[in-house]
Amino acid sequence: MEKNSPKKITRFNILFINLQLLFTFLTLGLFIWYIISPKMMPIFQGCLGITLLIMAYNNHIIYRRKAMTITYLVIGIILLVLDLVMLVV
């Protein structure tokens, strides 16, 4: 198997693809709600961070795109840390 070739799809991978789809739609809905009510920022930001972490996992395991995996992972962690800071302060 080549280094950058896609991995065989398993039920576990399909679960994470479905989770990515679910969190993407949830994040989109929370973004619209955030536009209406800025008080939703911590919930929107946390959901976006989780979405990016799931996307990083899918990129690493299924698609094997290292650059995007690192990008999604770093941005997701930063968003979750900022979300925790906003909730504590």
PDB file of N, CA and C in Angstrom:
ATOM      1  N   MET A   1       0.848  -1.182   0.000  1.00  0.00           N
ATOM      2  CA  MET A   1       0.000   0.000   0.000  1.00  0.00           C
ATOM      3  C   MET A   1       0.888   1.237   0.000  1.00  0.00           C
ATOM      4  N   GLU A   2       0.562   2.194  -0.832  1.00  0.00           N
ATOM      5  CA  GLU A   2       1.326   3.426  -0.888  1.00  0.00           C
ATOM      6  C   GLU A   2       1.114   4.239   0.376  1.00  0.00           C
ATOM      7  N   LYS A   3       2.068   5.096   0.649  1.00  0.00           N
ATOM      8  CA  LYS A   3       2.015   5.894   1.871  1.00  0.00           C
ATOM      9  C   LYS A   3       0.811   6.827   1.921  1.00  0.00           C
ATOM     10  N   ASN A   4       0.470   7.463   0.816  1.00  0.00           N
ATOM     11  CA  ASN A   4      -0.622   8.441   0.810  1.00  0.00           C
ATOM     12  C   ASN A   4      -1.938   7.885   0.282  1.00  0.00           C
ATOM     13  N   SER A   5      -2.036   6.596   0.077  1.00  0.00           N
ATOM     14  CA  SER A   5      -3.282   6.033  -0.426  1.00  0.00           C
ATOM     15  C   SER A   5      -4.314   5.957   0.695  1.00  0.00           C
ATOM     16  N   PRO A   6      -5.589   6.089   0.351  1.00  0.00           N
ATOM     17  CA  PRO A   6      -6.635   6.023   1.379  1.00  0.00           C
ATOM     18  C   PRO A   6      -6.670   4.655   2.053  1.00  0.00           C
ATOM     19  N   LYS A   7      -7.006   4.662   3.324  1.00  0.00           N
ATOM     20  CA  LYS A   7      -7.109   3.432   4.093  1.00  0.00           C
ATOM     21  C   LYS A   7      -8.453   2.767   3.815  1.00  0.00           C
ATOM     22  N   LYS A   8      -8.526   1.461   4.017  1.00  0.00           N
ATOM     23  CA  LYS A   8      -9.783   0.742   3.847  1.00  0.00           C
ATOM     24  C   LYS A   8     -10.816   1.282   4.838  1.00  0.00           C
ATOM     25  N   ILE A   9     -12.011   1.516   4.357  1.00  0.00           N
ATOM     26  CA  ILE A   9     -13.077   2.082   5.184  1.00  0.00           C
ATOM     27  C   ILE A   9     -13.667   0.988   6.079  1.00  0.00           C
ATOM     28  N   THR A  10     -13.750   1.282   7.370  1.00  0.00           N
ATOM     29  CA  THR A  10     -14.342   0.363   8.345  1.00  0.00           C
ATOM     30  C   THR A  10     -15.578   1.024   8.948  1.00  0.00           C
ATOM     31  N   ARG A  11     -16.295   0.270   9.762  1.00  0.00           N
ATOM     32  CA  ARG A  11     -17.478   0.829  10.430  1.00  0.00           C
ATOM     33  C   ARG A  11     -17.096   1.968  11.373  1.00  0.00           C
ATOM     34  N   PHE A  12     -15.930   1.839  12.003  1.00  0.00           N
ATOM     35  CA  PHE A  12     -15.456   2.877  12.908  1.00  0.00           C
ATOM     36  C   PHE A  12     -15.194   4.168  12.145  1.00  0.00           C
ATOM     37  N   ASN A  13     -14.604   4.059  10.940  1.00  0.00           N
ATOM     38  CA  ASN A  13     -14.355   5.241  10.110  1.00  0.00           C
ATOM     39  C   ASN A  13     -15.659   5.874   9.652  1.00  0.00           C
ATOM     40  N   ILE A  14     -16.632   5.059   9.306  1.00  0.00           N
ATOM     41  CA  ILE A  14     -17.940   5.573   8.892  1.00  0.00           C
ATOM     42  C   ILE A  14     -18.606   6.316  10.054  1.00  0.00           C
ATOM     43  N   LEU A  15     -18.431   5.809  11.274  1.00  0.00           N
ATOM     44  CA  LEU A  15     -18.966   6.492  12.452  1.00  0.00           C
ATOM     45  C   LEU A  15     -18.385   7.894  12.569  1.00  0.00           C
ATOM     46  N   PHE A  16     -17.074   8.034  12.386  1.00  0.00           N
ATOM     47  CA  PHE A  16     -16.456   9.348  12.515  1.00  0.00           C
ATOM     48  C   PHE A  16     -16.806  10.264  11.349  1.00  0.00           C
ATOM     49  N   ILE A  17     -17.028   9.716  10.174  1.00  0.00           N
ATOM     50  CA  ILE A  17     -17.492  10.541   9.055  1.00  0.00           C
ATOM     51  C   ILE A  17     -18.898  11.067   9.352  1.00  0.00           C
ATOM     52  N   ASN A  18     -19.755  10.206   9.914  1.00  0.00           N
ATOM     53  CA  ASN A  18     -21.106  10.640  10.293  1.00  0.00           C
ATOM     54  C   ASN A  18     -21.062  11.669  11.417  1.00  0.00           C
ATOM     55  N   LEU A  19     -20.144  11.483  12.380  1.00  0.00           N
ATOM     56  CA  LEU A  19     -19.992  12.472  13.445  1.00  0.00           C
ATOM     57  C   LEU A  19     -19.539  13.816  12.874  1.00  0.00           C
ATOM     58  N   GLN A  20     -18.641  13.771  11.901  1.00  0.00           N
ATOM     59  CA  GLN A  20     -18.193  15.009  11.266  1.00  0.00           C
ATOM     60  C   GLN A  20     -19.358  15.710  10.582  1.00  0.00           C
ATOM     61  N   LEU A  21     -20.187  14.952   9.892  1.00  0.00           N
ATOM     62  CA  LEU A  21     -21.347  15.533   9.223  1.00  0.00           C
ATOM     63  C   LEU A  21     -22.310  16.141  10.244  1.00  0.00           C
ATOM     64  N   LEU A  22     -22.583  15.407  11.319  1.00  0.00           N
ATOM     65  CA  LEU A  22     -23.486  15.893  12.366  1.00  0.00           C
ATOM     66  C   LEU A  22     -22.961  17.180  12.994  1.00  0.00           C
ATOM     67  N   PHE A  23     -21.682  17.181  13.371  1.00  0.00           N
ATOM     68  CA  PHE A  23     -21.111  18.367  14.011  1.00  0.00           C
ATOM     69  C   PHE A  23     -20.987  19.540  13.041  1.00  0.00           C
ATOM     70  N   THR A  24     -20.798  19.256  11.752  1.00  0.00           N
ATOM     71  CA  THR A  24     -20.750  20.334  10.769  1.00  0.00           C
ATOM     72  C   THR A  24     -22.092  21.043  10.691  1.00  0.00           C
ATOM     73  N   PHE A  25     -23.184  20.280  10.620  1.00  0.00           N
ATOM     74  CA  PHE A  25     -24.508  20.893  10.579  1.00  0.00           C
ATOM     75  C   PHE A  25     -24.852  21.582  11.899  1.00  0.00           C
ATOM     76  N   LEU A  26     -24.451  20.979  13.009  1.00  0.00           N
ATOM     77  CA  LEU A  26     -24.680  21.598  14.313  1.00  0.00           C
ATOM     78  C   LEU A  26     -23.919  22.922  14.416  1.00  0.00           C
ATOM     79  N   THR A  27     -22.682  22.942  13.949  1.00  0.00           N
ATOM     80  CA  THR A  27     -21.877  24.160  13.970  1.00  0.00           C
ATOM     81  C   THR A  27     -22.493  25.230  13.077  1.00  0.00           C
ATOM     82  N   LEU A  28     -22.977  24.836  11.925  1.00  0.00           N
ATOM     83  CA  LEU A  28     -23.631  25.791  11.024  1.00  0.00           C
ATOM     84  C   LEU A  28     -24.875  26.392  11.683  1.00  0.00           C
ATOM     85  N   GLY A  29     -25.677  25.552  12.319  1.00  0.00           N
ATOM     86  CA  GLY A  29     -26.860  26.052  13.027  1.00  0.00           C
ATOM     87  C   GLY A  29     -26.493  26.972  14.179  1.00  0.00           C
ATOM     88  N   LEU A  30     -25.453  26.613  14.924  1.00  0.00           N
ATOM     89  CA  LEU A  30     -25.014  27.472  16.021  1.00  0.00           C
ATOM     90  C   LEU A  30     -24.429  28.778  15.516  1.00  0.00           C
ATOM     91  N   PHE A  31     -23.800  28.757  14.340  1.00  0.00           N
ATOM     92  CA  PHE A  31     -23.282  29.992  13.758  1.00  0.00           C
ATOM     93  C   PHE A  31     -24.428  30.949  13.430  1.00  0.00           C
ATOM     94  N   ILE A  32     -25.496  30.425  12.867  1.00  0.00           N
ATOM     95  CA  ILE A  32     -26.667  31.262  12.560  1.00  0.00           C
ATOM     96  C   ILE A  32     -27.273  31.796  13.858  1.00  0.00           C
ATOM     97  N   TRP A  33     -27.343  30.945  14.879  1.00  0.00           N
ATOM     98  CA  TRP A  33     -27.871  31.364  16.169  1.00  0.00           C
ATOM     99  C   TRP A  33     -26.951  32.411  16.807  1.00  0.00           C
ATOM    100  N   TYR A  34     -25.615  32.257  16.626  1.00  0.00           N
ATOM    101  CA  TYR A  34     -24.651  33.223  17.160  1.00  0.00           C
ATOM    102  C   TYR A  34     -24.830  34.593  16.504  1.00  0.00           C
ATOM    103  N   ILE A  35     -25.138  34.622  15.210  1.00  0.00           N
ATOM    104  CA  ILE A  35     -25.369  35.898  14.519  1.00  0.00           C
ATOM    105  C   ILE A  35     -26.554  36.617  15.149  1.00  0.00           C
ATOM    106  N   ILE A  36     -27.585  35.857  15.524  1.00  0.00           N
ATOM    107  CA  ILE A  36     -28.773  36.443  16.134  1.00  0.00           C
ATOM    108  C   ILE A  36     -28.506  36.832  17.587  1.00  0.00           C
ATOM    109  N   SER A  37     -27.818  35.971  18.324  1.00  0.00           N
ATOM    110  CA  SER A  37     -27.549  36.216  19.741  1.00  0.00           C
ATOM    111  C   SER A  37     -26.068  35.962  20.031  1.00  0.00           C
ATOM    112  N   PRO A  38     -25.261  37.012  20.201  1.00  0.00           N
ATOM    113  CA  PRO A  38     -23.826  36.839  20.456  1.00  0.00           C
ATOM    114  C   PRO A  38     -23.489  36.093  21.744  1.00  0.00           C
ATOM    115  N   LYS A  39     -24.461  35.884  22.616  1.00  0.00           N
ATOM    116  CA  LYS A  39     -24.218  35.129  23.841  1.00  0.00           C
ATOM    117  C   LYS A  39     -23.926  33.654  23.559  1.00  0.00           C
ATOM    118  N   MET A  40     -24.175  33.211  22.340  1.00  0.00           N
ATOM    119  CA  MET A  40     -23.955  31.811  21.959  1.00  0.00           C
ATOM    120  C   MET A  40     -22.495  31.523  21.582  1.00  0.00           C
ATOM    121  N   MET A  41     -21.629  32.521  21.687  1.00  0.00           N
ATOM    122  CA  MET A  41     -20.239  32.368  21.251  1.00  0.00           C
ATOM    123  C   MET A  41     -19.521  31.178  21.894  1.00  0.00           C
ATOM    124  N   PRO A  42     -19.583  30.961  23.214  1.00  0.00           N
ATOM    125  CA  PRO A  42     -18.856  29.819  23.785  1.00  0.00           C
ATOM    126  C   PRO A  42     -19.348  28.467  23.258  1.00  0.00           C
ATOM    127  N   ILE A  43     -20.643  28.321  23.084  1.00  0.00           N
ATOM    128  CA  ILE A  43     -21.180  27.048  22.588  1.00  0.00           C
ATOM    129  C   ILE A  43     -20.781  26.846  21.133  1.00  0.00           C
ATOM    130  N   PHE A  44     -20.888  27.898  20.332  1.00  0.00           N
ATOM    131  CA  PHE A  44     -20.488  27.822  18.925  1.00  0.00           C
ATOM    132  C   PHE A  44     -19.004  27.505  18.798  1.00  0.00           C
ATOM    133  N   GLN A  45     -18.184  28.188  19.574  1.00  0.00           N
ATOM    134  CA  GLN A  45     -16.740  27.990  19.508  1.00  0.00           C
ATOM    135  C   GLN A  45     -16.349  26.585  19.957  1.00  0.00           C
ATOM    136  N   GLY A  46     -16.983  26.063  20.986  1.00  0.00           N
ATOM    137  CA  GLY A  46     -16.695  24.700  21.434  1.00  0.00           C
ATOM    138  C   GLY A  46     -17.095  23.667  20.403  1.00  0.00           C
ATOM    139  N   CYS A  47     -18.251  23.854  19.800  1.00  0.00           N
ATOM    140  CA  CYS A  47     -18.714  22.927  18.767  1.00  0.00           C
ATOM    141  C   CYS A  47     -17.801  22.977  17.542  1.00  0.00           C
ATOM    142  N   LEU A  48     -17.350  24.167  17.180  1.00  0.00           N
ATOM    143  CA  LEU A  48     -16.430  24.311  16.052  1.00  0.00           C
ATOM    144  C   LEU A  48     -15.096  23.633  16.358  1.00  0.00           C
ATOM    145  N   GLY A  49     -14.610  23.765  17.587  1.00  0.00           N
ATOM    146  CA  GLY A  49     -13.366  23.101  17.984  1.00  0.00           C
ATOM    147  C   GLY A  49     -13.483  21.590  17.904  1.00  0.00           C
ATOM    148  N   ILE A  50     -14.588  21.035  18.379  1.00  0.00           N
ATOM    149  CA  ILE A  50     -14.806  19.586  18.311  1.00  0.00           C
ATOM    150  C   ILE A  50     -14.919  19.134  16.861  1.00  0.00           C
ATOM    151  N   THR A  51     -15.601  19.918  16.035  1.00  0.00           N
ATOM    152  CA  THR A  51     -15.716  19.593  14.611  1.00  0.00           C
ATOM    153  C   THR A  51     -14.340  19.523  13.959  1.00  0.00           C
ATOM    154  N   LEU A  52     -13.490  20.488  14.265  1.00  0.00           N
ATOM    155  CA  LEU A  52     -12.153  20.493  13.685  1.00  0.00           C
ATOM    156  C   LEU A  52     -11.308  19.319  14.176  1.00  0.00           C
ATOM    157  N   LEU A  53     -11.472  18.919  15.421  1.00  0.00           N
ATOM    158  CA  LEU A  53     -10.738  17.753  15.922  1.00  0.00           C
ATOM    159  C   LEU A  53     -11.196  16.473  15.224  1.00  0.00           C
ATOM    160  N   ILE A  54     -12.487  16.345  14.993  1.00  0.00           N
ATOM    161  CA  ILE A  54     -12.997  15.179  14.259  1.00  0.00           C
ATOM    162  C   ILE A  54     -12.495  15.202  12.820  1.00  0.00           C
ATOM    163  N   MET A  55     -12.457  16.393  12.220  1.00  0.00           N
ATOM    164  CA  MET A  55     -11.935  16.507  10.856  1.00  0.00           C
ATOM    165  C   MET A  55     -10.450  16.138  10.813  1.00  0.00           C
ATOM    166  N   ALA A  56      -9.696  16.514  11.839  1.00  0.00           N
ATOM    167  CA  ALA A  56      -8.272  16.159  11.899  1.00  0.00           C
ATOM    168  C   ALA A  56      -8.113  14.642  11.979  1.00  0.00           C
ATOM    169  N   TYR A  57      -8.934  14.000  12.795  1.00  0.00           N
ATOM    170  CA  TYR A  57      -8.876  12.544  12.906  1.00  0.00           C
ATOM    171  C   TYR A  57      -9.194  11.881  11.564  1.00  0.00           C
ATOM    172  N   ASN A  58     -10.261  12.334  10.911  1.00  0.00           N
ATOM    173  CA  ASN A  58     -10.636  11.757   9.614  1.00  0.00           C
ATOM    174  C   ASN A  58      -9.548  11.982   8.574  1.00  0.00           C
ATOM    175  N   ASN A  59      -8.947  13.162   8.568  1.00  0.00           N
ATOM    176  CA  ASN A  59      -7.870  13.420   7.625  1.00  0.00           C
ATOM    177  C   ASN A  59      -6.675  12.520   7.880  1.00  0.00           C
ATOM    178  N   HIS A  60      -6.360  12.277   9.139  1.00  0.00           N
ATOM    179  CA  HIS A  60      -5.203  11.443   9.474  1.00  0.00           C
ATOM    180  C   HIS A  60      -5.450   9.974   9.166  1.00  0.00           C
ATOM    181  N   ILE A  61      -6.596   9.459   9.554  1.00  0.00           N
ATOM    182  CA  ILE A  61      -6.870   8.028   9.423  1.00  0.00           C
ATOM    183  C   ILE A  61      -7.333   7.653   8.018  1.00  0.00           C
ATOM    184  N   ILE A  62      -8.221   8.417   7.429  1.00  0.00           N
ATOM    185  CA  ILE A  62      -8.829   8.020   6.164  1.00  0.00           C
ATOM    186  C   ILE A  62      -8.084   8.610   4.967  1.00  0.00           C
ATOM    187  N   TYR A  63      -7.923   9.929   4.960  1.00  0.00           N
ATOM    188  CA  TYR A  63      -7.400  10.596   3.776  1.00  0.00           C
ATOM    189  C   TYR A  63      -5.884  10.732   3.770  1.00  0.00           C
ATOM    190  N   ARG A  64      -5.266  10.657   4.948  1.00  0.00           N
ATOM    191  CA  ARG A  64      -3.807  10.728   5.109  1.00  0.00           C
ATOM    192  C   ARG A  64      -3.202  12.008   4.532  1.00  0.00           C
ATOM    193  N   ARG A  65      -3.831  13.136   4.809  1.00  0.00           N
ATOM    194  CA  ARG A  65      -3.297  14.437   4.404  1.00  0.00           C
ATOM    195  C   ARG A  65      -2.696  15.093   5.642  1.00  0.00           C
ATOM    196  N   LYS A  66      -1.379  14.982   5.777  1.00  0.00           N
ATOM    197  CA  LYS A  66      -0.706  15.398   6.995  1.00  0.00           C
ATOM    198  C   LYS A  66      -0.821  16.901   7.255  1.00  0.00           C
ATOM    199  N   ALA A  67      -0.657  17.723   6.220  1.00  0.00           N
ATOM    200  CA  ALA A  67      -0.682  19.176   6.425  1.00  0.00           C
ATOM    201  C   ALA A  67      -2.038  19.638   6.959  1.00  0.00           C
ATOM    202  N   MET A  68      -3.120  19.144   6.382  1.00  0.00           N
ATOM    203  CA  MET A  68      -4.448  19.554   6.844  1.00  0.00           C
ATOM    204  C   MET A  68      -4.757  18.969   8.216  1.00  0.00           C
ATOM    205  N   THR A  69      -4.254  17.776   8.499  1.00  0.00           N
ATOM    206  CA  THR A  69      -4.471  17.177   9.812  1.00  0.00           C
ATOM    207  C   THR A  69      -3.880  18.070  10.893  1.00  0.00           C
ATOM    208  N   ILE A  70      -2.660  18.511  10.695  1.00  0.00           N
ATOM    209  CA  ILE A  70      -2.006  19.366  11.683  1.00  0.00           C
ATOM    210  C   ILE A  70      -2.731  20.700  11.798  1.00  0.00           C
ATOM    211  N   THR A  71      -3.148  21.256  10.677  1.00  0.00           N
ATOM    212  CA  THR A  71      -3.868  22.535  10.692  1.00  0.00           C
ATOM    213  C   THR A  71      -5.168  22.421  11.478  1.00  0.00           C
ATOM    214  N   TYR A  72      -5.978  21.405  11.162  1.00  0.00           N
ATOM    215  CA  TYR A  72      -7.245  21.213  11.875  1.00  0.00           C
ATOM    216  C   TYR A  72      -7.015  20.957  13.359  1.00  0.00           C
ATOM    217  N   LEU A  73      -5.998  20.173  13.672  1.00  0.00           N
ATOM    218  CA  LEU A  73      -5.714  19.830  15.060  1.00  0.00           C
ATOM    219  C   LEU A  73      -5.313  21.069  15.861  1.00  0.00           C
ATOM    220  N   VAL A  74      -4.411  21.861  15.331  1.00  0.00           N
ATOM    221  CA  VAL A  74      -3.937  23.055  16.041  1.00  0.00           C
ATOM    222  C   VAL A  74      -5.075  24.059  16.226  1.00  0.00           C
ATOM    223  N   ILE A  75      -5.822  24.336  15.167  1.00  0.00           N
ATOM    224  CA  ILE A  75      -6.912  25.310  15.276  1.00  0.00           C
ATOM    225  C   ILE A  75      -7.999  24.798  16.226  1.00  0.00           C
ATOM    226  N   GLY A  76      -8.318  23.506  16.156  1.00  0.00           N
ATOM    227  CA  GLY A  76      -9.325  22.933  17.052  1.00  0.00           C
ATOM    228  C   GLY A  76      -8.922  23.039  18.511  1.00  0.00           C
ATOM    229  N   ILE A  77      -7.658  22.741  18.818  1.00  0.00           N
ATOM    230  CA  ILE A  77      -7.183  22.828  20.196  1.00  0.00           C
ATOM    231  C   ILE A  77      -7.188  24.275  20.671  1.00  0.00           C
ATOM    232  N   ILE A  78      -6.738  25.197  19.818  1.00  0.00           N
ATOM    233  CA  ILE A  78      -6.751  26.623  20.182  1.00  0.00           C
ATOM    234  C   ILE A  78      -8.174  27.086  20.480  1.00  0.00           C
ATOM    235  N   LEU A  79      -9.129  26.703  19.636  1.00  0.00           N
ATOM    236  CA  LEU A  79     -10.520  27.116  19.863  1.00  0.00           C
ATOM    237  C   LEU A  79     -11.070  26.549  21.169  1.00  0.00           C
ATOM    238  N   LEU A  80     -10.759  25.294  21.476  1.00  0.00           N
ATOM    239  CA  LEU A  80     -11.256  24.702  22.723  1.00  0.00           C
ATOM    240  C   LEU A  80     -10.614  25.350  23.946  1.00  0.00           C
ATOM    241  N   VAL A  81      -9.320  25.676  23.861  1.00  0.00           N
ATOM    242  CA  VAL A  81      -8.661  26.358  24.986  1.00  0.00           C
ATOM    243  C   VAL A  81      -9.255  27.747  25.179  1.00  0.00           C
ATOM    244  N   LEU A  82      -9.456  28.486  24.083  1.00  0.00           N
ATOM    245  CA  LEU A  82     -10.083  29.806  24.191  1.00  0.00           C
ATOM    246  C   LEU A  82     -11.506  29.712  24.747  1.00  0.00           C
ATOM    247  N   ASP A  83     -12.202  28.653  24.374  1.00  0.00           N
ATOM    248  CA  ASP A  83     -13.561  28.448  24.883  1.00  0.00           C
ATOM    249  C   ASP A  83     -13.538  28.219  26.391  1.00  0.00           C
ATOM    250  N   LEU A  84     -12.603  27.413  26.861  1.00  0.00           N
ATOM    251  CA  LEU A  84     -12.480  27.189  28.302  1.00  0.00           C
ATOM    252  C   LEU A  84     -12.121  28.481  29.025  1.00  0.00           C
ATOM    253  N   VAL A  85     -11.233  29.287  28.448  1.00  0.00           N
ATOM    254  CA  VAL A  85     -10.873  30.562  29.063  1.00  0.00           C
ATOM    255  C   VAL A  85     -12.088  31.480  29.127  1.00  0.00           C
ATOM    256  N   MET A  86     -12.887  31.507  28.048  1.00  0.00           N
ATOM    257  CA  MET A  86     -14.080  32.370  28.045  1.00  0.00           C
ATOM    258  C   MET A  86     -15.097  31.920  29.093  1.00  0.00           C
ATOM    259  N   LEU A  87     -15.214  30.622  29.301  1.00  0.00           N
ATOM    260  CA  LEU A  87     -16.175  30.117  30.278  1.00  0.00           C
ATOM    261  C   LEU A  87     -15.708  30.368  31.705  1.00  0.00           C
ATOM    262  N   VAL A  88     -14.394  30.319  31.958  1.00  0.00           N
ATOM    263  CA  VAL A  88     -13.864  30.528  33.307  1.00  0.00           C
ATOM    264  C   VAL A  88     -13.870  31.996  33.667  1.00  0.00           C
ATOM    265  N   VAL A  89     -13.552  32.848  32.717  1.00  0.00           N
ATOM    266  CA  VAL A  89     -13.458  34.298  33.000  1.00  0.00           C
ATOM    267  C   VAL A  89     -14.790  34.910  32.867  1.00  0.00           C
TER     268      VAL A  89
END
